[in-house]
């Protein structure tokens, strides 16, 4: 199932509208968003980047900090055995509902990445936009490293501290830090036996602009979120100097 189609199922949970008014405009918004999926430029751009690192086959994979499971489903469709773990019970419950709707075979569990209690090893771990929310980020990386098989891959994405980092209040997104520099994250990974194999910079100035506008429109009125598609195409323009990018993806291999 394509990522966009998975988002169509997720959007049903997102549209339990703030005012709960059953107006014609709300019904139309729900219908339209049900067709296009969740209008989130950042989420979709990260999926594009992550997709290149998810190989076909069957390995034991973990989506660490899975949220409502959108990336978990993307990994599962490639034939992998997937477990998704998240601290928030409501997100795990939503992930299970979506899983039942689309017939995905993903095991969703509630758990704390800083106090990880998993008695199995993984060949692939995805940790996307997670550690910037956690005070003890080193503990998370240490715990993930412990449950990785030799030569297993960790794919991690975080906000990047760039020359012109977002001029936003990062705390309003639940972040405890604004992001990471490449060398900072590399040092953290290497401390726990994870060798950096590839670094990808993404989230160009145009993509960041699209995200900001999209977020404001969607938060203000669901219907305005339908402007998502023209904004989304801006995220494909990545021809900028290195210092301009606000997203960081690293693939690291367990030694």
C-alpha atoms as a PDB file:
ATOM      1  CA  UNK A   1       0.000   0.000   0.000  1.00  0.00           C
ATOM      2  CA  UNK A   2       1.388   3.413  -0.995  1.00  0.00           C
ATOM      3  CA  UNK A   3       2.326   5.875   1.743  1.00  0.00           C
ATOM      4  CA  UNK A   4      -0.336   8.303   0.526  1.00  0.00           C
ATOM      5  CA  UNK A   5      -3.003   5.616   0.891  1.00  0.00           C
ATOM      6  CA  UNK A   6      -1.844   4.824   4.419  1.00  0.00           C
ATOM      7  CA  UNK A   7      -2.188   8.511   5.237  1.00  0.00           C
ATOM      8  CA  UNK A   8      -5.804   8.410   4.072  1.00  0.00           C
ATOM      9  CA  UNK A   9      -6.566   6.010   6.911  1.00  0.00           C
ATOM     10  CA  UNK A  10      -4.581   8.108   9.375  1.00  0.00           C
ATOM     11  CA  UNK A  11      -6.447  11.261   8.482  1.00  0.00           C
ATOM     12  CA  UNK A  12      -9.662   9.858   9.958  1.00  0.00           C
ATOM     13  CA  UNK A  13      -8.079  10.094  13.377  1.00  0.00           C
ATOM     14  CA  UNK A  14      -6.755  13.589  12.677  1.00  0.00           C
ATOM     15  CA  UNK A  15     -10.166  14.916  11.711  1.00  0.00           C
ATOM     16  CA  UNK A  16     -11.876  14.444  15.045  1.00  0.00           C
ATOM     17  CA  UNK A  17     -12.220  18.218  14.695  1.00  0.00           C
ATOM     18  CA  UNK A  18     -11.425  20.638  17.474  1.00  0.00           C
ATOM     19  CA  UNK A  19     -14.907  22.169  17.500  1.00  0.00           C
ATOM     20  CA  UNK A  20     -16.757  18.927  16.594  1.00  0.00           C
ATOM     21  CA  UNK A  21     -19.221  20.949  14.521  1.00  0.00           C
ATOM     22  CA  UNK A  22     -20.952  18.872  11.849  1.00  0.00           C
ATOM     23  CA  UNK A  23     -21.081  21.704   9.354  1.00  0.00           C
ATOM     24  CA  UNK A  24     -21.116  21.258   5.595  1.00  0.00           C
ATOM     25  CA  UNK A  25     -17.592  22.680   5.371  1.00  0.00           C
ATOM     26  CA  UNK A  26     -16.335  20.192   7.972  1.00  0.00           C
ATOM     27  CA  UNK A  27     -17.934  17.289   6.115  1.00  0.00           C
ATOM     28  CA  UNK A  28     -16.371  18.454   2.865  1.00  0.00           C
ATOM     29  CA  UNK A  29     -12.975  18.844   4.533  1.00  0.00           C
ATOM     30  CA  UNK A  30     -13.175  15.343   5.963  1.00  0.00           C
ATOM     31  CA  UNK A  31     -14.124  13.927   2.572  1.00  0.00           C
ATOM     32  CA  UNK A  32     -11.404  15.810   0.689  1.00  0.00           C
ATOM     33  CA  UNK A  33      -8.676  15.010   3.185  1.00  0.00           C
ATOM     34  CA  UNK A  34      -9.797  11.404   3.136  1.00  0.00           C
ATOM     35  CA  UNK A  35      -8.949  11.409  -0.564  1.00  0.00           C
ATOM     36  CA  UNK A  36      -5.533  13.089  -0.373  1.00  0.00           C
ATOM     37  CA  UNK A  37      -4.384  11.895   3.041  1.00  0.00           C
ATOM     38  CA  UNK A  38      -2.791  13.804   5.888  1.00  0.00           C
ATOM     39  CA  UNK A  39      -1.565  17.180   4.561  1.00  0.00           C
ATOM     40  CA  UNK A  40       1.834  17.244   6.254  1.00  0.00           C
ATOM     41  CA  UNK A  41       4.719  18.325   4.021  1.00  0.00           C
ATOM     42  CA  UNK A  42       7.452  17.433   6.525  1.00  0.00           C
ATOM     43  CA  UNK A  43       6.121  13.931   7.123  1.00  0.00           C
ATOM     44  CA  UNK A  44       5.948  13.163   3.434  1.00  0.00           C
ATOM     45  CA  UNK A  45       9.366  14.579   2.656  1.00  0.00           C
ATOM     46  CA  UNK A  46      10.960  12.459   5.395  1.00  0.00           C
ATOM     47  CA  UNK A  47       9.185   9.407   4.008  1.00  0.00           C
ATOM     48  CA  UNK A  48      10.753  10.076   0.613  1.00  0.00           C
ATOM     49  CA  UNK A  49      14.204  10.196   2.168  1.00  0.00           C
ATOM     50  CA  UNK A  50      13.687   7.130   4.391  1.00  0.00           C
ATOM     51  CA  UNK A  51      12.209   5.059   1.556  1.00  0.00           C
ATOM     52  CA  UNK A  52      15.587   4.928  -0.206  1.00  0.00           C
ATOM     53  CA  UNK A  53      17.077   3.097   2.788  1.00  0.00           C
ATOM     54  CA  UNK A  54      14.334   0.485   3.207  1.00  0.00           C
ATOM     55  CA  UNK A  55      15.384  -2.491   1.123  1.00  0.00           C
ATOM     56  CA  UNK A  56      13.100  -5.307   0.031  1.00  0.00           C
ATOM     57  CA  UNK A  57      13.397  -8.647   1.767  1.00  0.00           C
ATOM     58  CA  UNK A  58      12.640  -9.918   5.225  1.00  0.00           C
ATOM     59  CA  UNK A  59      14.518  -8.690   8.270  1.00  0.00           C
ATOM     60  CA  UNK A  60      13.477  -8.012  11.835  1.00  0.00           C
ATOM     61  CA  UNK A  61      12.779  -4.265  12.005  1.00  0.00           C
ATOM     62  CA  UNK A  62      11.937  -1.825  14.793  1.00  0.00           C
ATOM     63  CA  UNK A  63      10.265   1.565  14.398  1.00  0.00           C
ATOM     64  CA  UNK A  64      11.500   3.321  17.550  1.00  0.00           C
ATOM     65  CA  UNK A  65       9.135   6.138  18.471  1.00  0.00           C
ATOM     66  CA  UNK A  66       6.612   4.990  15.885  1.00  0.00           C
ATOM     67  CA  UNK A  67       3.780   7.384  16.712  1.00  0.00           C
ATOM     68  CA  UNK A  68       0.680   6.181  14.868  1.00  0.00           C
ATOM     69  CA  UNK A  69       2.778   3.796  12.793  1.00  0.00           C
ATOM     70  CA  UNK A  70       2.989   5.484   9.410  1.00  0.00           C
ATOM     71  CA  UNK A  71       6.617   4.515   8.813  1.00  0.00           C
ATOM     72  CA  UNK A  72       6.021   1.090  10.390  1.00  0.00           C
ATOM     73  CA  UNK A  73       3.519   0.301   7.647  1.00  0.00           C
ATOM     74  CA  UNK A  74       5.916   1.571   4.993  1.00  0.00           C
ATOM     75  CA  UNK A  75       8.630  -0.803   6.262  1.00  0.00           C
ATOM     76  CA  UNK A  76       6.187  -3.722   6.529  1.00  0.00           C
ATOM     77  CA  UNK A  77       5.077  -3.406   2.913  1.00  0.00           C
ATOM     78  CA  UNK A  78       8.657  -4.240   1.886  1.00  0.00           C
ATOM     79  CA  UNK A  79       8.235  -7.674   3.451  1.00  0.00           C
ATOM     80  CA  UNK A  80       9.921  -7.028   6.781  1.00  0.00           C
ATOM     81  CA  UNK A  81       8.773  -8.230  10.195  1.00  0.00           C
ATOM     82  CA  UNK A  82       8.043  -4.976  12.033  1.00  0.00           C
ATOM     83  CA  UNK A  83       7.590  -3.904  15.640  1.00  0.00           C
ATOM     84  CA  UNK A  84       6.551  -0.347  16.439  1.00  0.00           C
ATOM     85  CA  UNK A  85       7.140   1.104  19.890  1.00  0.00           C
ATOM     86  CA  UNK A  86       5.982   4.409  21.358  1.00  0.00           C
ATOM     87  CA  UNK A  87       5.613   5.920  24.819  1.00  0.00           C
ATOM     88  CA  UNK A  88       2.135   7.345  24.200  1.00  0.00           C
ATOM     89  CA  UNK A  89      -0.675   4.834  24.647  1.00  0.00           C
ATOM     90  CA  UNK A  90      -3.171   6.753  22.521  1.00  0.00           C
ATOM     91  CA  UNK A  91      -0.790   6.685  19.555  1.00  0.00           C
ATOM     92  CA  UNK A  92      -0.258   2.942  19.902  1.00  0.00           C
ATOM     93  CA  UNK A  93      -4.024   2.425  20.047  1.00  0.00           C
ATOM     94  CA  UNK A  94      -4.460   4.517  16.897  1.00  0.00           C
ATOM     95  CA  UNK A  95      -1.681   2.593  15.150  1.00  0.00           C
ATOM     96  CA  UNK A  96      -3.428  -0.677  15.952  1.00  0.00           C
ATOM     97  CA  UNK A  97      -6.721   0.641  14.561  1.00  0.00           C
ATOM     98  CA  UNK A  98      -5.063   1.695  11.307  1.00  0.00           C
ATOM     99  CA  UNK A  99      -3.240  -1.640  11.149  1.00  0.00           C
ATOM    100  CA  UNK A 100      -6.543  -3.500  11.405  1.00  0.00           C
ATOM    101  CA  UNK A 101      -8.100  -1.333   8.684  1.00  0.00           C
ATOM    102  CA  UNK A 102      -5.342  -1.905   6.160  1.00  0.00           C
ATOM    103  CA  UNK A 103      -4.527  -5.479   7.170  1.00  0.00           C
ATOM    104  CA  UNK A 104      -0.910  -4.744   8.050  1.00  0.00           C
ATOM    105  CA  UNK A 105       1.075  -7.227  10.100  1.00  0.00           C
ATOM    106  CA  UNK A 106       2.829  -4.904  12.540  1.00  0.00           C
ATOM    107  CA  UNK A 107       3.258  -5.526  16.252  1.00  0.00           C
ATOM    108  CA  UNK A 108       2.664  -2.287  18.163  1.00  0.00           C
ATOM    109  CA  UNK A 109       3.794  -2.032  21.780  1.00  0.00           C
ATOM    110  CA  UNK A 110       3.853   0.691  24.398  1.00  0.00           C
ATOM    111  CA  UNK A 111       7.318   1.370  25.791  1.00  0.00           C
ATOM    112  CA  UNK A 112       9.964   3.868  26.882  1.00  0.00           C
ATOM    113  CA  UNK A 113      13.103   4.148  24.746  1.00  0.00           C
ATOM    114  CA  UNK A 114      15.108   5.353  27.755  1.00  0.00           C
ATOM    115  CA  UNK A 115      14.119   2.224  29.678  1.00  0.00           C
ATOM    116  CA  UNK A 116      13.824  -0.264  26.864  1.00  0.00           C
ATOM    117  CA  UNK A 117      12.509  -3.719  27.709  1.00  0.00           C
ATOM    118  CA  UNK A 118      12.714  -5.724  24.503  1.00  0.00           C
ATOM    119  CA  UNK A 119      14.165  -9.223  24.499  1.00  0.00           C
ATOM    120  CA  UNK A 120      14.958  -9.568  20.817  1.00  0.00           C
ATOM    121  CA  UNK A 121      17.492  -8.267  18.319  1.00  0.00           C
ATOM    122  CA  UNK A 122      16.887  -6.297  15.145  1.00  0.00           C
ATOM    123  CA  UNK A 123      18.525  -5.995  11.732  1.00  0.00           C
ATOM    124  CA  UNK A 124      16.979  -2.610  10.988  1.00  0.00           C
ATOM    125  CA  UNK A 125      15.938   0.200  13.321  1.00  0.00           C
ATOM    126  CA  UNK A 126      14.236   3.412  12.252  1.00  0.00           C
ATOM    127  CA  UNK A 127      14.222   6.327  14.679  1.00  0.00           C
ATOM    128  CA  UNK A 128      12.675   9.309  12.913  1.00  0.00           C
ATOM    129  CA  UNK A 129      12.206  12.692  14.608  1.00  0.00           C
ATOM    130  CA  UNK A 130      12.383  11.172  18.082  1.00  0.00           C
ATOM    131  CA  UNK A 131      15.539  11.922  20.074  1.00  0.00           C
ATOM    132  CA  UNK A 132      15.108  15.705  19.880  1.00  0.00           C
ATOM    133  CA  UNK A 133      12.057  15.144  22.123  1.00  0.00           C
ATOM    134  CA  UNK A 134      14.030  13.217  24.768  1.00  0.00           C
ATOM    135  CA  UNK A 135      16.324  14.726  27.417  1.00  0.00           C
ATOM    136  CA  UNK A 136      18.511  11.631  27.752  1.00  0.00           C
ATOM    137  CA  UNK A 137      19.128  11.147  24.036  1.00  0.00           C
ATOM    138  CA  UNK A 138      22.410   9.308  24.640  1.00  0.00           C
ATOM    139  CA  UNK A 139      20.550   6.662  26.640  1.00  0.00           C
ATOM    140  CA  UNK A 140      18.177   6.089  23.730  1.00  0.00           C
ATOM    141  CA  UNK A 141      21.030   5.501  21.286  1.00  0.00           C
ATOM    142  CA  UNK A 142      22.770   3.219  23.796  1.00  0.00           C
ATOM    143  CA  UNK A 143      19.606   1.153  24.267  1.00  0.00           C
ATOM    144  CA  UNK A 144      18.965   0.857  20.539  1.00  0.00           C
ATOM    145  CA  UNK A 145      22.552  -0.224  19.929  1.00  0.00           C
ATOM    146  CA  UNK A 146      22.173  -3.030  22.475  1.00  0.00           C
ATOM    147  CA  UNK A 147      19.287  -4.619  20.562  1.00  0.00           C
ATOM    148  CA  UNK A 148      20.947  -4.455  17.134  1.00  0.00           C
ATOM    149  CA  UNK A 149      22.533  -7.462  15.486  1.00  0.00           C
ATOM    150  CA  UNK A 150      26.045  -7.125  14.081  1.00  0.00           C
ATOM    151  CA  UNK A 151      25.922  -5.200  10.776  1.00  0.00           C
ATOM    152  CA  UNK A 152      22.360  -4.093  11.550  1.00  0.00           C
ATOM    153  CA  UNK A 153      21.396  -0.652  10.247  1.00  0.00           C
ATOM    154  CA  UNK A 154      20.085   2.331  12.192  1.00  0.00           C
ATOM    155  CA  UNK A 155      18.312   4.996  10.158  1.00  0.00           C
ATOM    156  CA  UNK A 156      17.840   8.153  12.175  1.00  0.00           C
ATOM    157  CA  UNK A 157      16.384  11.535  11.221  1.00  0.00           C
ATOM    158  CA  UNK A 158      16.543  14.701  13.310  1.00  0.00           C
ATOM    159  CA  UNK A 159      16.173  18.451  12.866  1.00  0.00           C
ATOM    160  CA  UNK A 160      19.520  19.865  11.748  1.00  0.00           C
ATOM    161  CA  UNK A 161      21.154  22.937  13.235  1.00  0.00           C
ATOM    162  CA  UNK A 162      22.036  24.861  10.092  1.00  0.00           C
ATOM    163  CA  UNK A 163      23.459  28.301   9.325  1.00  0.00           C
ATOM    164  CA  UNK A 164      19.943  29.631   9.506  1.00  0.00           C
ATOM    165  CA  UNK A 165      18.053  27.208  11.727  1.00  0.00           C
ATOM    166  CA  UNK A 166      14.325  27.606  12.069  1.00  0.00           C
ATOM    167  CA  UNK A 167      13.411  30.813  13.782  1.00  0.00           C
ATOM    168  CA  UNK A 168      10.645  29.105  15.692  1.00  0.00           C
ATOM    169  CA  UNK A 169       9.938  28.121  19.247  1.00  0.00           C
ATOM    170  CA  UNK A 170      11.096  24.497  19.032  1.00  0.00           C
ATOM    171  CA  UNK A 171       9.541  23.789  22.427  1.00  0.00           C
ATOM    172  CA  UNK A 172       6.058  24.182  20.986  1.00  0.00           C
ATOM    173  CA  UNK A 173       6.731  21.010  18.987  1.00  0.00           C
ATOM    174  CA  UNK A 174       7.706  19.160  22.153  1.00  0.00           C
ATOM    175  CA  UNK A 175      11.433  19.375  21.379  1.00  0.00           C
ATOM    176  CA  UNK A 176      13.909  19.681  24.245  1.00  0.00           C
ATOM    177  CA  UNK A 177      16.632  20.930  21.883  1.00  0.00           C
ATOM    178  CA  UNK A 178      16.542  22.689  18.490  1.00  0.00           C
ATOM    179  CA  UNK A 179      18.386  19.918  16.659  1.00  0.00           C
ATOM    180  CA  UNK A 180      21.802  18.424  15.937  1.00  0.00           C
ATOM    181  CA  UNK A 181      24.903  19.080  13.870  1.00  0.00           C
ATOM    182  CA  UNK A 182      26.324  16.248  11.794  1.00  0.00           C
ATOM    183  CA  UNK A 183      29.481  15.837  13.894  1.00  0.00           C
ATOM    184  CA  UNK A 184      27.492  15.933  17.127  1.00  0.00           C
ATOM    185  CA  UNK A 185      25.201  13.104  16.061  1.00  0.00           C
ATOM    186  CA  UNK A 186      28.088  11.146  14.544  1.00  0.00           C
ATOM    187  CA  UNK A 187      29.977  11.316  17.862  1.00  0.00           C
ATOM    188  CA  UNK A 188      26.912  10.080  19.736  1.00  0.00           C
ATOM    189  CA  UNK A 189      26.443   7.124  17.400  1.00  0.00           C
ATOM    190  CA  UNK A 190      30.113   6.119  17.399  1.00  0.00           C
ATOM    191  CA  UNK A 191      30.170   6.133  21.199  1.00  0.00           C
ATOM    192  CA  UNK A 192      27.876   3.088  21.087  1.00  0.00           C
ATOM    193  CA  UNK A 193      29.515   1.149  18.277  1.00  0.00           C
ATOM    194  CA  UNK A 194      27.542   2.577  15.372  1.00  0.00           C
ATOM    195  CA  UNK A 195      29.627   3.555  12.354  1.00  0.00           C
ATOM    196  CA  UNK A 196      28.171   6.250  10.126  1.00  0.00           C
ATOM    197  CA  UNK A 197      27.726   4.923   6.595  1.00  0.00           C
ATOM    198  CA  UNK A 198      25.821   7.738   4.910  1.00  0.00           C
ATOM    199  CA  UNK A 199      24.665  11.271   5.683  1.00  0.00           C
ATOM    200  CA  UNK A 200      21.788  12.936   3.827  1.00  0.00           C
ATOM    201  CA  UNK A 201      20.758  16.561   4.202  1.00  0.00           C
ATOM    202  CA  UNK A 202      17.172  17.435   3.344  1.00  0.00           C
ATOM    203  CA  UNK A 203      14.458  19.963   4.168  1.00  0.00           C
ATOM    204  CA  UNK A 204      15.577  22.851   1.975  1.00  0.00           C
ATOM    205  CA  UNK A 205      14.568  26.483   2.616  1.00  0.00           C
ATOM    206  CA  UNK A 206      11.640  26.033   0.215  1.00  0.00           C
ATOM    207  CA  UNK A 207      10.565  22.850   2.003  1.00  0.00           C
ATOM    208  CA  UNK A 208      10.774  24.620   5.361  1.00  0.00           C
ATOM    209  CA  UNK A 209       8.711  27.499   3.972  1.00  0.00           C
ATOM    210  CA  UNK A 210       6.109  25.037   2.681  1.00  0.00           C
ATOM    211  CA  UNK A 211       5.962  23.318   6.075  1.00  0.00           C
ATOM    212  CA  UNK A 212       5.465  26.576   7.979  1.00  0.00           C
ATOM    213  CA  UNK A 213       2.688  27.786   5.707  1.00  0.00           C
ATOM    214  CA  UNK A 214       1.032  24.365   5.558  1.00  0.00           C
ATOM    215  CA  UNK A 215       1.088  24.028   9.339  1.00  0.00           C
ATOM    216  CA  UNK A 216      -0.457  27.450   9.910  1.00  0.00           C
ATOM    217  CA  UNK A 217      -3.187  26.877   7.354  1.00  0.00           C
ATOM    218  CA  UNK A 218      -4.036  23.387   8.575  1.00  0.00           C
ATOM    219  CA  UNK A 219      -4.087  24.382  12.232  1.00  0.00           C
ATOM    220  CA  UNK A 220      -6.313  27.341  11.438  1.00  0.00           C
ATOM    221  CA  UNK A 221      -8.856  25.565   9.261  1.00  0.00           C
ATOM    222  CA  UNK A 222      -8.839  21.981   8.076  1.00  0.00           C
ATOM    223  CA  UNK A 223     -10.182  23.057   4.684  1.00  0.00           C
ATOM    224  CA  UNK A 224      -7.153  25.281   4.127  1.00  0.00           C
ATOM    225  CA  UNK A 225      -5.007  22.200   4.584  1.00  0.00           C
ATOM    226  CA  UNK A 226      -6.134  21.290   1.074  1.00  0.00           C
ATOM    227  CA  UNK A 227      -3.551  23.788  -0.155  1.00  0.00           C
ATOM    228  CA  UNK A 228      -1.099  21.077   0.846  1.00  0.00           C
ATOM    229  CA  UNK A 229      -0.453  19.785  -2.663  1.00  0.00           C
ATOM    230  CA  UNK A 230       0.865  22.983  -4.296  1.00  0.00           C
ATOM    231  CA  UNK A 231       2.994  23.535  -1.188  1.00  0.00           C
ATOM    232  CA  UNK A 232       4.191  19.935  -1.157  1.00  0.00           C
ATOM    233  CA  UNK A 233       5.820  20.251  -4.574  1.00  0.00           C
ATOM    234  CA  UNK A 234       8.144  22.905  -3.150  1.00  0.00           C
ATOM    235  CA  UNK A 235       9.792  20.199  -1.035  1.00  0.00           C
ATOM    236  CA  UNK A 236      11.258  18.603  -4.171  1.00  0.00           C
ATOM    237  CA  UNK A 237      13.550  21.579  -4.848  1.00  0.00           C
ATOM    238  CA  UNK A 238      16.788  20.706  -3.064  1.00  0.00           C
ATOM    239  CA  UNK A 239      19.373  22.730  -4.961  1.00  0.00           C
ATOM    240  CA  UNK A 240      20.775  24.824  -2.140  1.00  0.00           C
ATOM    241  CA  UNK A 241      24.095  25.238  -0.354  1.00  0.00           C
ATOM    242  CA  UNK A 242      24.885  22.679   2.339  1.00  0.00           C
ATOM    243  CA  UNK A 243      24.412  25.132   5.191  1.00  0.00           C
ATOM    244  CA  UNK A 244      20.813  25.831   4.223  1.00  0.00           C
ATOM    245  CA  UNK A 245      19.273  22.437   4.988  1.00  0.00           C
ATOM    246  CA  UNK A 246      17.253  21.869   8.162  1.00  0.00           C
ATOM    247  CA  UNK A 247      16.855  18.068   8.081  1.00  0.00           C
ATOM    248  CA  UNK A 248      19.491  15.431   8.797  1.00  0.00           C
ATOM    249  CA  UNK A 249      19.349  11.696   8.042  1.00  0.00           C
ATOM    250  CA  UNK A 250      22.130   9.310   9.037  1.00  0.00           C
ATOM    251  CA  UNK A 251      22.486   5.625   8.260  1.00  0.00           C
ATOM    252  CA  UNK A 252      24.769   3.894  10.778  1.00  0.00           C
ATOM    253  CA  UNK A 253      25.974   0.284  10.911  1.00  0.00           C
ATOM    254  CA  UNK A 254      26.386  -1.736  14.126  1.00  0.00           C
ATOM    255  CA  UNK A 255      30.004  -2.880  14.475  1.00  0.00           C
END
